[in-house]
Amino acid sequence: MFNQAFDTTLKRFEISAKRLAEESGVTAQSISEFRRGKKSIQTDSLEKLLESLPFEAKIYFFSLLLGEEVLIEHLIAKMDNDQMSDLMVAIADRMKIIYKENHSNSTNEDNINKTLLIS
């Protein structure tokens, strides 16, 4: 069950065993064998793997295990100050990207209009 949910999560978020191995310290071979159900994985190794997953992938993984959607509010309620800080930084970074994407065209148009008015 854990291995199937883990395999599905990695596929959904296009996370390679090689990349995960580099980030977690768990060998790519162990990850591959675990994903295929050929080998169980120790709790500490699974913890390292899960810590290396992006936040959204973690939520998805636990949703698969529970068979229901994990509510973000429940996860936030259990976070310590460091985790909450990391989450806030991630949200701020994402908002900056979205803002830039939404305003890149209008900024260019505004600059063109200002240039035309000055000429």
C-alpha atoms as a PDB file:
ATOM      1  CA  MET A   1       0.000   0.000   0.000  1.00  0.00           C
ATOM      2  CA  PHE A   2       2.759   2.494   0.961  1.00  0.00           C
ATOM      3  CA  ASN A   3       4.817   1.543  -2.067  1.00  0.00           C
ATOM      4  CA  GLN A   4       1.879   1.938  -4.459  1.00  0.00           C
ATOM      5  CA  ALA A   5       0.938   5.350  -3.047  1.00  0.00           C
ATOM      6  CA  PHE A   6       4.583   6.401  -3.177  1.00  0.00           C
ATOM      7  CA  ASP A   7       5.025   5.201  -6.760  1.00  0.00           C
ATOM      8  CA  THR A   8       1.824   6.942  -7.873  1.00  0.00           C
ATOM      9  CA  THR A   9       2.941  10.160  -6.173  1.00  0.00           C
ATOM     10  CA  LEU A  10       6.345  10.163  -7.857  1.00  0.00           C
ATOM     11  CA  LYS A  11       4.748   9.525 -11.242  1.00  0.00           C
ATOM     12  CA  ARG A  12       2.120  12.231 -10.766  1.00  0.00           C
ATOM     13  CA  PHE A  13       4.701  14.858  -9.787  1.00  0.00           C
ATOM     14  CA  GLU A  14       7.325  13.569 -12.245  1.00  0.00           C
ATOM     15  CA  ILE A  15       9.926  13.010  -9.541  1.00  0.00           C
ATOM     16  CA  SER A  16      12.751  10.688 -10.533  1.00  0.00           C
ATOM     17  CA  ALA A  17      14.317   8.184  -8.156  1.00  0.00           C
ATOM     18  CA  LYS A  18      17.708   9.680  -8.993  1.00  0.00           C
ATOM     19  CA  ARG A  19      16.662  13.183  -7.946  1.00  0.00           C
ATOM     20  CA  LEU A  20      14.942  11.909  -4.825  1.00  0.00           C
ATOM     21  CA  ALA A  21      18.010   9.832  -3.924  1.00  0.00           C
ATOM     22  CA  GLU A  22      20.224  12.908  -4.182  1.00  0.00           C
ATOM     23  CA  GLU A  23      17.925  14.958  -1.975  1.00  0.00           C
ATOM     24  CA  SER A  24      17.099  12.291   0.610  1.00  0.00           C
ATOM     25  CA  GLY A  25      20.289  10.262   0.906  1.00  0.00           C
ATOM     26  CA  VAL A  26      18.379   7.020   0.229  1.00  0.00           C
ATOM     27  CA  THR A  27      19.869   5.058  -2.679  1.00  0.00           C
ATOM     28  CA  ALA A  28      18.090   5.125  -6.028  1.00  0.00           C
ATOM     29  CA  GLN A  29      18.143   1.322  -6.031  1.00  0.00           C
ATOM     30  CA  SER A  30      16.318   1.180  -2.674  1.00  0.00           C
ATOM     31  CA  ILE A  31      13.758   3.681  -3.936  1.00  0.00           C
ATOM     32  CA  SER A  32      13.216   1.701  -7.131  1.00  0.00           C
ATOM     33  CA  GLU A  33      12.828  -1.619  -5.299  1.00  0.00           C
ATOM     34  CA  PHE A  34      10.413  -0.049  -2.822  1.00  0.00           C
ATOM     35  CA  ARG A  35       8.315   1.476  -5.612  1.00  0.00           C
ATOM     36  CA  ARG A  36       8.013  -1.905  -7.337  1.00  0.00           C
ATOM     37  CA  GLY A  37       7.142  -3.691  -4.093  1.00  0.00           C
ATOM     38  CA  LYS A  38      10.250  -5.865  -4.235  1.00  0.00           C
ATOM     39  CA  LYS A  39      11.681  -4.533  -1.004  1.00  0.00           C
ATOM     40  CA  SER A  40      10.246  -2.915   2.100  1.00  0.00           C
ATOM     41  CA  ILE A  41      11.781   0.284   3.367  1.00  0.00           C
ATOM     42  CA  GLN A  42      12.829   1.249   6.857  1.00  0.00           C
ATOM     43  CA  THR A  43      10.825   3.901   8.642  1.00  0.00           C
ATOM     44  CA  ASP A  44      13.734   6.338   8.821  1.00  0.00           C
ATOM     45  CA  SER A  45      14.357   5.987   5.077  1.00  0.00           C
ATOM     46  CA  LEU A  46      10.681   6.547   4.291  1.00  0.00           C
ATOM     47  CA  GLU A  47      10.755   9.619   6.507  1.00  0.00           C
ATOM     48  CA  LYS A  48      13.774  10.978   4.590  1.00  0.00           C
ATOM     49  CA  LEU A  49      12.013  10.338   1.291  1.00  0.00           C
ATOM     50  CA  LEU A  50       8.837  12.078   2.407  1.00  0.00           C
ATOM     51  CA  GLU A  51      10.794  15.053   3.747  1.00  0.00           C
ATOM     52  CA  SER A  52      12.384  15.418   0.314  1.00  0.00           C
ATOM     53  CA  LEU A  53       9.046  15.586  -1.500  1.00  0.00           C
ATOM     54  CA  PRO A  54       7.497  18.928  -2.418  1.00  0.00           C
ATOM     55  CA  PHE A  55       4.645  19.972  -0.132  1.00  0.00           C
ATOM     56  CA  GLU A  56       1.961  19.235  -2.713  1.00  0.00           C
ATOM     57  CA  ALA A  57       3.372  15.756  -3.294  1.00  0.00           C
ATOM     58  CA  LYS A  58       3.273  15.016   0.428  1.00  0.00           C
ATOM     59  CA  ILE A  59      -0.379  16.010   0.590  1.00  0.00           C
ATOM     60  CA  TYR A  60      -1.149  13.854  -2.422  1.00  0.00           C
ATOM     61  CA  PHE A  61       0.726  10.858  -0.944  1.00  0.00           C
ATOM     62  CA  PHE A  62      -1.166  11.023   2.348  1.00  0.00           C
ATOM     63  CA  SER A  63      -4.447  11.526   0.516  1.00  0.00           C
ATOM     64  CA  LEU A  64      -3.809   8.284  -1.359  1.00  0.00           C
ATOM     65  CA  LEU A  65      -3.048   6.453   1.876  1.00  0.00           C
ATOM     66  CA  LEU A  66      -6.147   7.771   3.595  1.00  0.00           C
ATOM     67  CA  GLY A  67      -8.368   7.296   0.591  1.00  0.00           C
ATOM     68  CA  GLU A  68      -9.674  10.827   1.047  1.00  0.00           C
ATOM     69  CA  GLU A  69      -8.582  14.375   0.487  1.00  0.00           C
ATOM     70  CA  VAL A  70      -6.277  15.779   3.148  1.00  0.00           C
ATOM     71  CA  LEU A  71      -7.409  19.234   4.211  1.00  0.00           C
ATOM     72  CA  ILE A  72      -4.683  21.848   4.253  1.00  0.00           C
ATOM     73  CA  GLU A  73      -6.167  23.343   7.415  1.00  0.00           C
ATOM     74  CA  HIS A  74      -5.447  20.140   9.329  1.00  0.00           C
ATOM     75  CA  LEU A  75      -1.852  20.079   8.123  1.00  0.00           C
ATOM     76  CA  ILE A  76      -1.271  23.702   9.053  1.00  0.00           C
ATOM     77  CA  ALA A  77      -2.713  23.174  12.521  1.00  0.00           C
ATOM     78  CA  LYS A  78      -0.039  20.554  13.196  1.00  0.00           C
ATOM     79  CA  MET A  79       2.933  22.571  11.913  1.00  0.00           C
ATOM     80  CA  ASP A  80       5.651  23.886  14.193  1.00  0.00           C
ATOM     81  CA  ASN A  81       7.029  27.415  13.789  1.00  0.00           C
ATOM     82  CA  ASP A  82       9.814  26.379  11.370  1.00  0.00           C
ATOM     83  CA  GLN A  83       7.407  24.480   9.142  1.00  0.00           C
ATOM     84  CA  MET A  84       4.956  27.384   9.211  1.00  0.00           C
ATOM     85  CA  SER A  85       7.758  29.767   8.257  1.00  0.00           C
ATOM     86  CA  ASP A  86       8.788  27.521   5.352  1.00  0.00           C
ATOM     87  CA  LEU A  87       5.184  27.396   4.186  1.00  0.00           C
ATOM     88  CA  MET A  88       4.823  31.174   4.321  1.00  0.00           C
ATOM     89  CA  VAL A  89       8.025  31.646   2.287  1.00  0.00           C
ATOM     90  CA  ALA A  90       6.809  29.098  -0.275  1.00  0.00           C
ATOM     91  CA  ILE A  91       3.465  30.899  -0.566  1.00  0.00           C
ATOM     92  CA  ALA A  92       5.177  34.280  -0.956  1.00  0.00           C
ATOM     93  CA  ASP A  93       7.501  32.893  -3.639  1.00  0.00           C
ATOM     94  CA  ARG A  94       4.558  31.399  -5.528  1.00  0.00           C
ATOM     95  CA  MET A  95       2.609  34.640  -5.301  1.00  0.00           C
ATOM     96  CA  LYS A  96       5.577  36.555  -6.757  1.00  0.00           C
ATOM     97  CA  ILE A  97       5.693  34.160  -9.724  1.00  0.00           C
ATOM     98  CA  ILE A  98       1.956  34.469 -10.313  1.00  0.00           C
ATOM     99  CA  TYR A  99       2.128  38.265 -10.054  1.00  0.00           C
ATOM    100  CA  LYS A 100       4.992  38.438 -12.554  1.00  0.00           C
ATOM    101  CA  GLU A 101       3.171  36.116 -14.957  1.00  0.00           C
ATOM    102  CA  ASN A 102      -0.026  38.162 -14.755  1.00  0.00           C
ATOM    103  CA  HIS A 103       1.652  41.541 -15.024  1.00  0.00           C
ATOM    104  CA  SER A 104       4.486  40.936 -17.475  1.00  0.00           C
ATOM    105  CA  ASN A 105       2.332  41.751 -20.524  1.00  0.00           C
ATOM    106  CA  SER A 106       0.635  44.769 -19.003  1.00  0.00           C
ATOM    107  CA  THR A 107       3.970  46.171 -17.794  1.00  0.00           C
ATOM    108  CA  ASN A 108       5.407  45.905 -21.298  1.00  0.00           C
ATOM    109  CA  GLU A 109       2.281  47.539 -22.755  1.00  0.00           C
ATOM    110  CA  ASP A 110       2.467  50.331 -20.174  1.00  0.00           C
ATOM    111  CA  ASN A 111       6.115  50.958 -21.040  1.00  0.00           C
ATOM    112  CA  ILE A 112       5.285  51.056 -24.753  1.00  0.00           C
ATOM    113  CA  ASN A 113       2.424  53.492 -24.130  1.00  0.00           C
ATOM    114  CA  LYS A 114       4.631  55.741 -21.983  1.00  0.00           C
ATOM    115  CA  THR A 115       7.321  55.708 -24.665  1.00  0.00           C
ATOM    116  CA  LEU A 116       4.779  56.630 -27.340  1.00  0.00           C
ATOM    117  CA  LEU A 117       3.425  59.507 -25.213  1.00  0.00           C
ATOM    118  CA  ILE A 118       6.917  60.891 -24.620  1.00  0.00           C
ATOM    119  CA  SER A 119       7.830  60.780 -28.339  1.00  0.00           C
END
